[in-house]
Amino acid sequence: MGNYIDAEDVDNWPSGTTEAEQTAAINYVEQLIEKIIGRHFYSKAFDIKINGNNKNRLFLPLYADILTVTNIWVGGIEMDSSWFTFDENSVFIDLTSSGSGVGDPELLYKLTTVEAVGIFPRGFNNIRIKGTYGDSAVPQPIKELCIILVRYDNDNTLYTSTVLASEKIGDYAYKIGDEFYKKNKIYTGIFEADKIIAAYKRQKKLVIMAA
């Protein structure tokens, strides 16, 4: 039903809630999480154009890790897949591939020539790249975060929603979340959800633009 959770993952739907209402609630929560954290957590296609940098490695301005690269065009000409590879942040020339194409002496000569001058020539939006990025599997904390937010919408007594409400145990008085919110922002006002969000905000991916 959603990208992260299904209706069956939530155990407190009010009686009479329709499938359309469940879908709307899940979609709203998932979009909210992506907006707050600044990225998605599933495999999503990308098709971008980027400036060439006259080098053999090109960093992509994506806010999640690269999962696959299926096509690269340089100045409108598609590059053979045996010419390149990728990591979570970039695409780059690959002369060590075991693919059948690299064993071809003519292709190897061309690759060596290109390596000397840069496979991604400098230009404006002259490199087009297609692939997927995000997470191959949805992280369990993100699933739990979605469930918390949907369950809270259905019943706001289930979690700690009064962020700084005072409590007292014996002679010791304290405020719920006081120390946590000194170090982190209030994102939803739900303590259990904000702890998960804060962890992902602290590890937010640094986007490196082309030089």
Protein backbone atom coordinates (compact mmCIF):
# COMPACT_ATOMS: atom_id res chain seq x y z
CA MET A 1 0.00 0.00 0.00
CA GLY A 2 2.85 2.36 0.84
CA ASN A 3 6.55 2.48 0.06
CA TYR A 4 7.46 1.60 3.65
CA ILE A 5 4.50 -0.05 5.34
CA ASP A 6 1.14 -1.63 4.54
CA ALA A 7 -2.16 -1.26 6.36
CA GLU A 8 -1.57 -4.64 8.04
CA ASP A 9 1.44 -3.21 9.86
CA VAL A 10 -0.85 -0.89 11.84
CA ASP A 11 -2.91 -2.60 14.54
CA ASN A 12 -5.20 0.20 15.72
CA TRP A 13 -7.23 1.38 12.76
CA PRO A 14 -10.54 2.80 14.01
CA SER A 15 -13.55 0.62 13.20
CA GLY A 16 -14.95 1.47 9.81
CA THR A 17 -11.75 2.93 8.36
CA THR A 18 -11.84 2.38 4.61
CA GLU A 19 -8.94 1.17 2.48
CA ALA A 20 -8.79 4.60 0.82
CA GLU A 21 -8.50 6.29 4.21
CA GLN A 22 -5.76 3.86 5.27
CA THR A 23 -3.85 4.56 2.06
CA ALA A 24 -4.18 8.32 2.52
CA ALA A 25 -2.93 8.13 6.13
CA ILE A 26 0.08 6.01 5.18
CA ASN A 27 0.96 8.19 2.19
CA TYR A 28 0.75 11.33 4.32
CA VAL A 29 3.08 9.92 6.98
CA GLU A 30 5.60 8.62 4.44
CA GLN A 31 5.70 11.96 2.62
CA LEU A 32 6.10 13.76 5.94
CA ILE A 33 9.05 11.56 6.93
CA GLU A 34 10.79 12.12 3.59
CA LYS A 35 10.24 15.87 3.88
CA ILE A 36 11.65 16.03 7.42
CA ILE A 37 14.68 13.78 6.82
CA GLY A 38 15.31 15.02 3.28
CA ARG A 39 15.51 11.72 1.40
CA HIS A 40 13.64 8.52 0.55
CA PHE A 41 14.37 5.00 1.77
CA TYR A 42 13.40 2.72 -1.11
CA SER A 43 14.77 2.05 -4.60
CA LYS A 44 13.76 4.91 -6.89
CA ALA A 45 14.69 5.60 -10.51
CA PHE A 46 16.72 8.65 -11.49
CA ASP A 47 17.40 10.20 -14.88
CA ILE A 48 19.58 13.29 -14.55
CA LYS A 49 21.74 15.58 -16.64
CA ILE A 50 24.89 16.98 -15.07
CA ASN A 51 27.84 19.13 -16.11
CA GLY A 52 30.94 17.26 -17.23
CA ASN A 53 34.09 18.02 -15.21
CA ASN A 54 36.86 16.90 -17.63
CA LYS A 55 37.71 14.06 -15.26
CA ASN A 56 37.17 10.32 -15.07
CA ARG A 57 34.95 10.40 -11.98
CA LEU A 58 31.68 12.27 -11.69
CA PHE A 59 29.87 12.73 -8.38
CA LEU A 60 26.08 12.75 -8.68
CA PRO A 61 23.97 15.28 -6.73
CA LEU A 62 21.70 12.63 -5.21
CA TYR A 63 20.53 12.68 -1.59
CA ALA A 64 20.64 8.88 -1.27
CA ASP A 65 23.12 6.18 -2.30
CA ILE A 66 23.40 5.02 -5.92
CA LEU A 67 22.10 1.46 -6.29
CA THR A 68 22.47 0.90 -10.05
CA VAL A 69 23.65 2.78 -13.13
CA THR A 70 22.11 1.45 -16.33
CA ASN A 71 22.97 4.10 -18.95
CA ILE A 72 25.37 7.00 -19.43
CA TRP A 73 25.33 9.38 -22.39
CA VAL A 74 28.19 11.79 -23.14
CA GLY A 75 27.14 14.61 -25.45
CA GLY A 76 24.16 12.54 -26.57
CA ILE A 77 26.25 9.43 -27.36
CA GLU A 78 25.55 6.38 -25.18
CA MET A 79 28.61 4.89 -23.50
CA ASP A 80 29.16 1.12 -23.53
CA SER A 81 28.44 -0.30 -20.08
CA SER A 82 31.88 -1.95 -20.00
CA TRP A 83 33.48 1.50 -19.88
CA PHE A 84 32.15 2.54 -16.48
CA THR A 85 31.23 1.44 -12.99
CA PHE A 86 29.94 3.23 -9.89
CA ASP A 87 29.95 3.43 -6.12
CA GLU A 88 27.34 4.90 -3.76
CA ASN A 89 28.31 8.47 -4.67
CA SER A 90 29.81 8.55 -8.17
CA VAL A 91 30.30 7.03 -11.61
CA PHE A 92 33.78 6.54 -13.03
CA ILE A 93 35.83 4.93 -15.79
CA ASP A 94 36.66 1.27 -15.17
CA LEU A 95 39.70 -0.23 -16.89
CA THR A 96 39.82 -3.28 -14.63
CA SER A 97 36.40 -4.70 -15.51
CA SER A 98 36.26 -8.38 -16.35
CA GLY A 99 33.57 -7.68 -18.96
CA SER A 100 34.10 -9.07 -22.44
CA GLY A 101 34.47 -5.61 -23.99
CA VAL A 102 37.59 -4.62 -22.05
CA GLY A 103 39.48 -7.60 -23.47
CA ASP A 104 39.19 -6.06 -26.93
CA PRO A 105 42.56 -4.39 -27.79
CA GLU A 106 40.88 -1.58 -29.75
CA LEU A 107 38.50 -0.77 -26.89
CA LEU A 108 41.32 -0.95 -24.36
CA TYR A 109 43.31 1.53 -26.46
CA LYS A 110 40.32 3.86 -26.61
CA LEU A 111 39.81 3.60 -22.86
CA THR A 112 43.48 4.37 -22.21
CA THR A 113 43.26 7.42 -24.50
CA VAL A 114 40.11 8.65 -22.81
CA GLU A 115 41.67 8.11 -19.38
CA ALA A 116 44.38 10.59 -20.26
CA VAL A 117 42.00 13.41 -21.21
CA GLY A 118 38.96 12.69 -19.03
CA ILE A 119 35.97 10.60 -19.96
CA PHE A 120 33.46 13.27 -18.87
CA PRO A 121 34.38 16.38 -20.93
CA ARG A 122 33.55 19.74 -19.42
CA GLY A 123 30.20 21.11 -20.56
CA PHE A 124 26.75 22.24 -19.46
CA ASN A 125 24.37 19.34 -18.79
CA ASN A 126 26.31 17.28 -21.34
CA ILE A 127 26.29 14.07 -19.27
CA ARG A 128 23.05 12.12 -18.87
CA ILE A 129 22.87 9.25 -16.37
CA LYS A 130 20.08 6.77 -15.61
CA GLY A 131 19.86 4.32 -12.73
CA THR A 132 18.32 3.80 -9.32
CA TYR A 133 19.12 5.22 -5.89
CA GLY A 134 17.93 4.94 -2.31
CA ASP A 135 17.81 1.72 -0.25
CA SER A 136 17.47 -1.80 -1.65
CA ALA A 137 15.46 -2.69 1.47
CA VAL A 138 13.53 -0.29 3.72
CA PRO A 139 15.43 0.17 7.02
CA GLN A 140 13.57 -1.27 10.00
CA PRO A 141 13.72 2.00 12.00
CA ILE A 142 11.98 3.81 9.13
CA LYS A 143 9.22 1.21 9.11
CA GLU A 144 8.86 1.61 12.87
CA LEU A 145 8.75 5.39 12.50
CA CYS A 146 5.90 5.14 9.99
CA ILE A 147 3.96 2.80 12.26
CA ILE A 148 4.42 5.11 15.26
CA LEU A 149 3.10 8.12 13.38
CA VAL A 150 0.08 6.32 11.91
CA ARG A 151 -0.78 4.65 15.23
CA TYR A 152 -0.47 8.03 16.98
CA ASP A 153 -2.87 9.59 14.47
CA ASN A 154 -5.33 6.83 15.33
CA ASP A 155 -4.80 7.13 19.11
CA ASN A 156 -2.76 10.01 20.55
CA THR A 157 -2.51 8.37 23.98
CA LEU A 158 -0.11 5.65 22.82
CA TYR A 159 3.10 7.69 22.80
CA THR A 160 4.79 10.55 24.61
CA SER A 161 3.24 13.51 22.86
CA THR A 162 3.66 16.17 25.57
CA VAL A 163 7.32 16.69 24.93
CA LEU A 164 8.31 18.69 28.00
CA ALA A 165 5.54 17.70 30.40
CA SER A 166 6.82 17.41 33.96
CA GLU A 167 6.74 14.06 35.73
CA LYS A 168 7.64 13.11 39.29
CA ILE A 169 8.92 9.83 40.67
CA GLY A 170 9.17 9.98 44.44
CA ASP A 171 11.09 13.14 45.29
CA TYR A 172 12.75 13.32 41.86
CA ALA A 173 11.12 15.60 39.30
CA TYR A 174 12.17 15.75 35.66
CA LYS A 175 10.86 16.68 32.23
CA ILE A 176 10.20 14.10 29.55
CA GLY A 177 12.70 14.47 26.76
CA ASP A 178 14.33 17.55 28.30
CA GLU A 179 17.92 16.40 27.73
CA PHE A 180 17.09 14.95 24.32
CA TYR A 181 15.53 18.16 23.03
CA LYS A 182 18.47 20.24 24.25
CA LYS A 183 20.52 18.45 21.59
CA ASN A 184 17.85 17.87 18.92
CA LYS A 185 15.00 19.74 17.31
CA ILE A 186 11.34 18.95 17.82
CA TYR A 187 10.24 17.35 14.54
CA THR A 188 6.86 15.80 15.32
CA GLY A 189 6.42 16.39 19.05
CA ILE A 190 6.24 12.62 19.54
CA PHE A 191 9.26 11.61 21.62
CA GLU A 192 9.51 8.04 20.28
CA ALA A 193 9.36 9.26 16.68
CA ASP A 194 11.74 12.18 17.12
CA LYS A 195 14.46 9.89 18.50
CA ILE A 196 14.46 7.93 15.23
CA ILE A 197 14.32 11.06 13.07
CA ALA A 198 17.21 12.67 14.98
CA ALA A 199 19.40 9.61 14.33
CA TYR A 200 18.83 9.85 10.58
CA LYS A 201 19.24 13.63 10.51
CA ARG A 202 22.67 13.24 12.13
CA GLN A 203 23.81 10.87 9.37
CA LYS A 204 22.39 12.89 6.48
CA LYS A 205 24.27 12.28 3.24
CA LEU A 206 26.69 14.98 2.06
CA VAL A 207 26.05 15.83 -1.59
CA ILE A 208 29.27 16.46 -3.55
CA MET A 209 28.81 18.49 -6.71
CA ALA A 210 30.94 18.18 -9.83
CA ALA A 211 34.18 20.16 -9.70
